[in-house]
Amino acid sequence: MSSATLTAPLDQAPRPQPAPKVPAVAATRRPWRNPLLRSHSILPGFNLSLGISVLYLSLIVLIPLATVFFTAGQLSLAQFWRIASDPQVVASYKLTFGASLVAASINAVFGMLVAWVLVRYEFPGRRLLDAMVDLPFALPTAVAGIALTGLYAQNGWIGSLLPFKVSYTPLGVMLALTFIGLPFVVRTVQPVLQDLHQEQEEAAAMLGASRLQTFRRVILPTLAPALLTGFSLAFARALGEYGSVIFIAGNIPFKTEITALLIISKVEQFDIPGASVIAVVMLLAAFAMLLAINLLQAWSRRRTATV
């Protein structure tokens, strides 16, 4: 290579030619669609399925609840307050909400423990124990109430051994509500535990965390949303329970009388507006408590995602 070529100015070097311009293809305008009505499935029939879903929910949920509010709204405000604040009704509110809250809290603790044992350990009879969890789902509530009454009555197999009385007391009501709410917690926590890998716990242990710290900082934040969901389901189920409670409660006014029994008693007396008033109060209180639980669950999910 000559020295003239090496010393040639850079501006005389050949420059790459620009690529030929390709004529732009005319864009075809697509018809406008409302993003709120856009289907996320490759299968057709979104509008039809949406209409059927709304119709079904209206017939099963919305219209009956609206009828309850409409019937209670026919009364004056003074009549509404007189029925809702009756001392016997207020006593039933306290028993129903208090026993439901305690029963759901007990199920949250022991339901998580049962789910942990079923997921993390292999032992003889594990499948049988797993099937027994769903027993409150399969049993009629009246059968569960009779069984609990026979066991925990003063002359029952378990009640005769206890130094305190269980049947025909608020403790019996709480026992029945705990029985029917256990599967909700176990079945919501169990899938989350199955997806929780043990490598995270082993990594925490290798970093020097104790068992309590591993549970509090690794396991519990992951289980918290599912645990709150199971708690809210068990609580909502306990609020409307009737069949398993009336046998073991004894239905003593101001002591073991639940709100559902008062509603049925007023319906049997053809006092439909009075029953609707009590039902409206229960609906509003239950909705407020479930809304608070859902807000707490959403906060827990956001906190878990940011950690």
Protein backbone atom coordinates (compact mmCIF):
# COMPACT_ATOMS: atom_id res chain seq x y z
CA MET A 1 0.00 0.00 0.00
CA SER A 2 1.44 3.37 -1.02
CA SER A 3 2.03 6.26 1.33
CA ALA A 4 -0.31 8.43 -0.78
CA THR A 5 -3.18 6.17 0.00
CA LEU A 6 -2.39 6.27 3.72
CA THR A 7 -2.22 10.07 3.75
CA ALA A 8 -5.41 10.64 1.76
CA PRO A 9 -7.83 12.99 3.53
CA LEU A 10 -10.75 11.41 5.21
CA ASP A 11 -13.30 13.55 3.34
CA GLN A 12 -12.27 11.90 0.05
CA ALA A 13 -13.17 8.41 1.34
CA PRO A 14 -16.21 6.85 -0.36
CA ARG A 15 -19.41 7.38 1.62
CA PRO A 16 -22.20 4.81 1.86
CA GLN A 17 -25.18 5.59 -0.33
CA PRO A 18 -28.51 6.11 1.45
CA ALA A 19 -31.03 3.32 1.15
CA PRO A 20 -33.75 3.89 -1.42
CA LYS A 21 -36.97 5.16 0.01
CA VAL A 22 -39.81 2.69 0.08
CA PRO A 23 -43.22 4.21 -0.52
CA ALA A 24 -45.28 4.11 2.63
CA VAL A 25 -48.21 1.78 2.61
CA ALA A 26 -51.47 3.48 3.32
CA ALA A 27 -52.56 2.59 6.85
CA THR A 28 -55.92 0.94 7.04
CA ARG A 29 -58.18 2.48 9.69
CA ARG A 30 -59.58 -0.06 12.10
CA PRO A 31 -63.03 0.37 13.53
CA TRP A 32 -63.03 1.99 17.01
CA ARG A 33 -63.78 -0.27 19.95
CA ASN A 34 -64.57 0.68 23.49
CA PRO A 35 -61.63 -0.54 25.63
CA LEU A 36 -64.08 -1.36 28.45
CA LEU A 37 -65.88 -3.86 26.21
CA ARG A 38 -62.78 -5.40 24.68
CA SER A 39 -62.58 -9.16 25.07
CA HIS A 40 -59.40 -10.71 26.40
CA SER A 41 -60.18 -14.17 25.02
CA ILE A 42 -59.71 -15.63 21.57
CA LEU A 43 -63.13 -17.25 21.81
CA PRO A 44 -66.12 -15.22 20.62
CA GLY A 45 -69.27 -14.45 22.59
CA PHE A 46 -68.12 -11.75 25.02
CA ASN A 47 -71.26 -9.65 24.74
CA LEU A 48 -73.53 -12.67 25.14
CA SER A 49 -71.62 -14.05 28.13
CA LEU A 50 -71.54 -10.61 29.78
CA GLY A 51 -75.27 -10.22 29.38
CA ILE A 52 -75.99 -13.67 30.79
CA SER A 53 -73.65 -13.02 33.74
CA VAL A 54 -75.29 -9.69 34.59
CA LEU A 55 -78.76 -11.21 34.26
CA TYR A 56 -77.84 -14.16 36.48
CA LEU A 57 -76.28 -11.97 39.17
CA SER A 58 -79.27 -9.65 39.05
CA LEU A 59 -81.79 -12.46 39.51
CA ILE A 60 -79.82 -14.29 42.20
CA VAL A 61 -78.14 -11.45 44.15
CA LEU A 62 -79.07 -7.89 43.24
CA ILE A 63 -82.85 -8.09 42.95
CA PRO A 64 -83.38 -10.08 46.21
CA LEU A 65 -81.14 -7.68 48.14
CA ALA A 66 -82.87 -4.69 46.59
CA THR A 67 -86.22 -6.18 47.62
CA VAL A 68 -85.04 -6.39 51.23
CA PHE A 69 -84.03 -2.73 51.19
CA PHE A 70 -87.27 -1.74 49.47
CA THR A 71 -89.40 -3.58 52.05
CA ALA A 72 -87.51 -2.04 54.96
CA GLY A 73 -87.75 1.39 53.31
CA GLN A 74 -91.53 1.32 53.50
CA LEU A 75 -91.29 1.93 57.24
CA SER A 76 -90.72 5.34 58.74
CA LEU A 77 -87.40 6.25 60.26
CA ALA A 78 -88.84 6.02 63.77
CA GLN A 79 -90.26 2.55 63.11
CA PHE A 80 -86.98 1.43 61.54
CA TRP A 81 -84.98 2.62 64.55
CA ARG A 82 -87.43 1.09 67.02
CA ILE A 83 -87.07 -2.36 65.45
CA ALA A 84 -83.31 -2.16 64.85
CA SER A 85 -82.53 -0.90 68.36
CA ASP A 86 -84.77 -3.29 70.26
CA PRO A 87 -82.77 -4.70 73.22
CA GLN A 88 -83.41 -8.30 72.16
CA VAL A 89 -82.24 -7.54 68.61
CA VAL A 90 -79.15 -5.69 69.84
CA ALA A 91 -78.26 -8.66 72.05
CA SER A 92 -78.50 -10.94 69.03
CA TYR A 93 -76.24 -8.58 67.06
CA LYS A 94 -73.59 -8.71 69.76
CA LEU A 95 -73.71 -12.50 69.96
CA THR A 96 -73.71 -13.06 66.19
CA PHE A 97 -70.89 -10.66 65.32
CA GLY A 98 -68.83 -11.45 68.40
CA ALA A 99 -69.03 -15.23 68.03
CA SER A 100 -68.40 -15.00 64.28
CA LEU A 101 -65.32 -12.83 64.80
CA VAL A 102 -63.88 -15.13 67.47
CA ALA A 103 -64.62 -18.26 65.42
CA ALA A 104 -62.99 -16.79 62.29
CA SER A 105 -59.93 -15.78 64.32
CA ILE A 106 -59.58 -19.29 65.75
CA ASN A 107 -59.92 -20.77 62.28
CA ALA A 108 -57.28 -18.39 60.94
CA VAL A 109 -54.73 -19.74 63.42
CA PHE A 110 -55.56 -23.43 63.44
CA GLY A 111 -56.60 -23.51 59.79
CA MET A 112 -53.14 -22.27 58.82
CA LEU A 113 -51.63 -24.94 61.06
CA VAL A 114 -53.72 -27.69 59.44
CA ALA A 115 -52.79 -26.46 55.96
CA TRP A 116 -49.11 -26.42 56.95
CA VAL A 117 -49.25 -30.02 58.18
CA LEU A 118 -51.07 -31.22 55.06
CA VAL A 119 -48.62 -29.53 52.68
CA ARG A 120 -45.24 -29.90 54.38
CA TYR A 121 -45.37 -33.38 55.91
CA GLU A 122 -45.93 -36.91 54.64
CA PHE A 123 -47.55 -39.28 57.16
CA PRO A 124 -50.00 -42.19 57.15
CA GLY A 125 -53.57 -40.99 56.87
CA ARG A 126 -52.71 -37.63 55.33
CA ARG A 127 -55.22 -38.04 52.51
CA LEU A 128 -57.90 -39.05 54.98
CA LEU A 129 -57.19 -35.94 57.06
CA ASP A 130 -57.27 -33.83 53.92
CA ALA A 131 -60.69 -35.24 53.04
CA MET A 132 -61.99 -34.63 56.55
CA VAL A 133 -61.35 -30.91 56.14
CA ASP A 134 -64.16 -30.75 53.58
CA LEU A 135 -66.59 -32.56 55.86
CA PRO A 136 -68.35 -29.35 57.03
CA PHE A 137 -69.01 -28.60 53.35
CA ALA A 138 -70.69 -31.96 52.76
CA LEU A 139 -72.66 -32.30 55.99
CA PRO A 140 -76.06 -30.64 56.25
CA THR A 141 -75.86 -27.93 58.88
CA ALA A 142 -78.66 -29.48 60.92
CA VAL A 143 -76.72 -32.76 61.11
CA ALA A 144 -73.64 -30.87 62.30
CA GLY A 145 -75.72 -29.11 64.97
CA ILE A 146 -77.21 -32.36 66.26
CA ALA A 147 -73.77 -34.01 66.31
CA LEU A 148 -72.20 -31.14 68.23
CA THR A 149 -75.08 -31.06 70.68
CA GLY A 150 -74.79 -34.79 71.32
CA LEU A 151 -71.07 -34.49 71.95
CA TYR A 152 -70.94 -31.33 74.05
CA ALA A 153 -74.18 -31.59 76.03
CA GLN A 154 -73.78 -32.09 79.77
CA ASN A 155 -74.51 -35.78 79.36
CA GLY A 156 -72.55 -36.09 76.08
CA TRP A 157 -69.30 -37.92 75.48
CA ILE A 158 -67.16 -34.78 75.69
CA GLY A 159 -69.45 -32.48 77.63
CA SER A 160 -69.64 -34.84 80.59
CA LEU A 161 -65.84 -34.68 80.94
CA LEU A 162 -65.59 -30.89 80.89
CA PRO A 163 -65.76 -28.82 84.07
CA PHE A 164 -67.79 -26.12 82.34
CA LYS A 165 -70.95 -26.04 80.24
CA VAL A 166 -70.70 -25.79 76.45
CA SER A 167 -74.17 -26.45 75.03
CA TYR A 168 -76.83 -23.77 75.43
CA THR A 169 -74.18 -21.12 76.04
CA PRO A 170 -72.40 -18.57 73.80
CA LEU A 171 -69.44 -20.96 73.84
CA GLY A 172 -71.57 -23.54 72.04
CA VAL A 173 -72.50 -20.95 69.40
CA MET A 174 -68.81 -20.17 68.87
CA LEU A 175 -68.02 -23.89 68.63
CA ALA A 176 -70.60 -24.43 65.89
CA LEU A 177 -69.38 -21.42 63.92
CA THR A 178 -65.80 -22.63 64.22
CA PHE A 179 -66.82 -26.04 62.87
CA ILE A 180 -68.45 -24.67 59.72
CA GLY A 181 -65.73 -22.09 58.97
CA LEU A 182 -62.57 -24.21 59.14
CA PRO A 183 -62.52 -25.39 55.47
CA PHE A 184 -62.54 -21.82 54.14
CA VAL A 185 -59.20 -20.99 55.77
CA VAL A 186 -57.53 -24.31 54.98
CA ARG A 187 -58.51 -24.32 51.30
CA THR A 188 -57.38 -20.74 50.72
CA VAL A 189 -54.00 -21.09 52.48
CA GLN A 190 -53.15 -24.57 51.18
CA PRO A 191 -52.45 -23.62 47.51
CA VAL A 192 -50.21 -20.73 48.58
CA LEU A 193 -48.20 -23.03 50.82
CA GLN A 194 -47.81 -25.47 47.94
CA ASP A 195 -46.31 -22.71 45.77
CA LEU A 196 -44.01 -21.51 48.57
CA HIS A 197 -40.63 -23.14 47.97
CA GLN A 198 -38.62 -24.33 50.94
CA GLU A 199 -35.47 -22.83 49.43
CA GLN A 200 -36.56 -19.43 50.76
CA GLU A 201 -36.74 -20.77 54.30
CA GLU A 202 -33.38 -22.50 53.90
CA ALA A 203 -31.80 -19.30 52.60
CA ALA A 204 -33.14 -17.38 55.59
CA ALA A 205 -31.75 -20.03 57.94
CA MET A 206 -28.33 -19.86 56.23
CA LEU A 207 -28.30 -16.10 56.72
CA GLY A 208 -28.73 -16.60 60.44
CA ALA A 209 -32.47 -16.07 60.87
CA SER A 210 -34.20 -17.94 63.66
CA ARG A 211 -37.34 -19.99 63.11
CA LEU A 212 -39.52 -17.18 64.44
CA GLN A 213 -37.81 -14.63 62.21
CA THR A 214 -38.16 -16.92 59.19
CA PHE A 215 -41.85 -17.35 59.86
CA ARG A 216 -42.46 -13.66 60.53
CA ARG A 217 -40.40 -12.23 57.67
CA VAL A 218 -40.54 -14.91 54.96
CA ILE A 219 -43.58 -17.14 55.39
CA LEU A 220 -46.21 -14.88 56.98
CA PRO A 221 -45.97 -12.00 54.44
CA THR A 222 -46.58 -14.51 51.64
CA LEU A 223 -49.49 -16.15 53.43
CA ALA A 224 -51.10 -12.94 54.69
CA PRO A 225 -53.35 -12.19 51.66
CA ALA A 226 -54.65 -15.76 51.48
CA LEU A 227 -55.05 -15.88 55.25
CA LEU A 228 -57.11 -12.70 55.24
CA THR A 229 -59.22 -14.09 52.40
CA GLY A 230 -59.94 -17.27 54.35
CA PHE A 231 -60.69 -15.23 57.47
CA SER A 232 -63.19 -13.05 55.64
CA LEU A 233 -64.89 -16.07 54.04
CA ALA A 234 -65.17 -17.85 57.39
CA PHE A 235 -66.49 -14.69 59.02
CA ALA A 236 -69.09 -14.10 56.31
CA ARG A 237 -70.17 -17.74 56.46
CA ALA A 238 -70.57 -17.57 60.24
CA LEU A 239 -72.73 -14.45 60.09
CA GLY A 240 -75.45 -16.22 58.14
CA GLU A 241 -75.23 -19.64 59.82
CA TYR A 242 -78.47 -21.02 61.23
CA GLY A 243 -78.84 -24.80 61.07
CA SER A 244 -75.79 -25.84 63.08
CA VAL A 245 -76.33 -23.18 65.75
CA ILE A 246 -79.96 -23.50 66.79
CA PHE A 247 -79.52 -26.99 68.28
CA ILE A 248 -76.49 -26.29 70.43
CA ALA A 249 -77.41 -22.69 71.28
CA GLY A 250 -80.74 -23.35 72.96
CA ASN A 251 -82.10 -20.04 71.56
CA ILE A 252 -82.38 -18.33 74.94
CA PRO A 253 -83.36 -14.64 74.48
CA PHE A 254 -80.65 -12.12 75.45
CA LYS A 255 -78.18 -14.99 75.88
CA THR A 256 -77.88 -17.49 73.03
CA GLU A 257 -80.33 -16.15 70.45
CA ILE A 258 -78.68 -15.38 67.11
CA THR A 259 -79.88 -12.81 64.60
CA ALA A 260 -80.82 -15.37 61.94
CA LEU A 261 -83.27 -16.96 64.39
CA LEU A 262 -84.89 -13.57 65.06
CA ILE A 263 -85.36 -13.00 61.33
CA ILE A 264 -86.99 -16.41 60.88
CA SER A 265 -89.21 -15.81 63.93
CA LYS A 266 -90.49 -12.53 62.48
CA VAL A 267 -91.11 -14.16 59.11
CA GLU A 268 -93.14 -16.90 60.82
CA GLN A 269 -95.16 -14.15 62.52
CA PHE A 270 -95.73 -12.54 59.08
CA ASP A 271 -93.76 -9.49 60.17
CA ILE A 272 -91.90 -9.15 56.88
CA PRO A 273 -90.97 -5.45 57.35
CA GLY A 274 -89.49 -6.19 60.80
CA ALA A 275 -87.47 -9.08 59.41
CA SER A 276 -86.28 -6.86 56.56
CA VAL A 277 -85.09 -4.18 58.99
CA ILE A 278 -82.97 -6.67 60.92
CA ALA A 279 -81.64 -8.11 57.66
CA VAL A 280 -80.69 -4.64 56.37
CA VAL A 281 -78.75 -3.87 59.54
CA MET A 282 -76.93 -7.18 59.24
CA LEU A 283 -76.16 -6.55 55.57
CA LEU A 284 -74.78 -3.07 56.17
CA ALA A 285 -72.67 -4.13 59.15
CA ALA A 286 -71.33 -7.21 57.37
CA PHE A 287 -70.55 -5.15 54.24
CA ALA A 288 -68.65 -2.57 56.30
CA MET A 289 -66.57 -5.22 58.06
CA LEU A 290 -65.82 -7.12 54.86
CA LEU A 291 -64.85 -3.87 53.13
CA ALA A 292 -62.40 -3.14 55.93
CA ILE A 293 -60.96 -6.65 55.64
CA ASN A 294 -60.59 -6.31 51.86
CA LEU A 295 -58.82 -2.95 52.25
CA LEU A 296 -56.47 -4.54 54.76
CA GLN A 297 -55.87 -7.40 52.34
CA ALA A 298 -55.07 -4.99 49.49
CA TRP A 299 -52.64 -3.11 51.75
CA SER A 300 -50.98 -6.38 52.71
CA ARG A 301 -50.54 -7.34 49.04
CA ARG A 302 -48.97 -3.98 48.20
CA ARG A 303 -46.66 -4.18 51.19
CA THR A 304 -45.63 -7.73 50.24
CA ALA A 305 -44.93 -6.65 46.65
CA THR A 306 -42.69 -3.78 47.74
CA VAL A 307 -40.66 -5.85 50.23
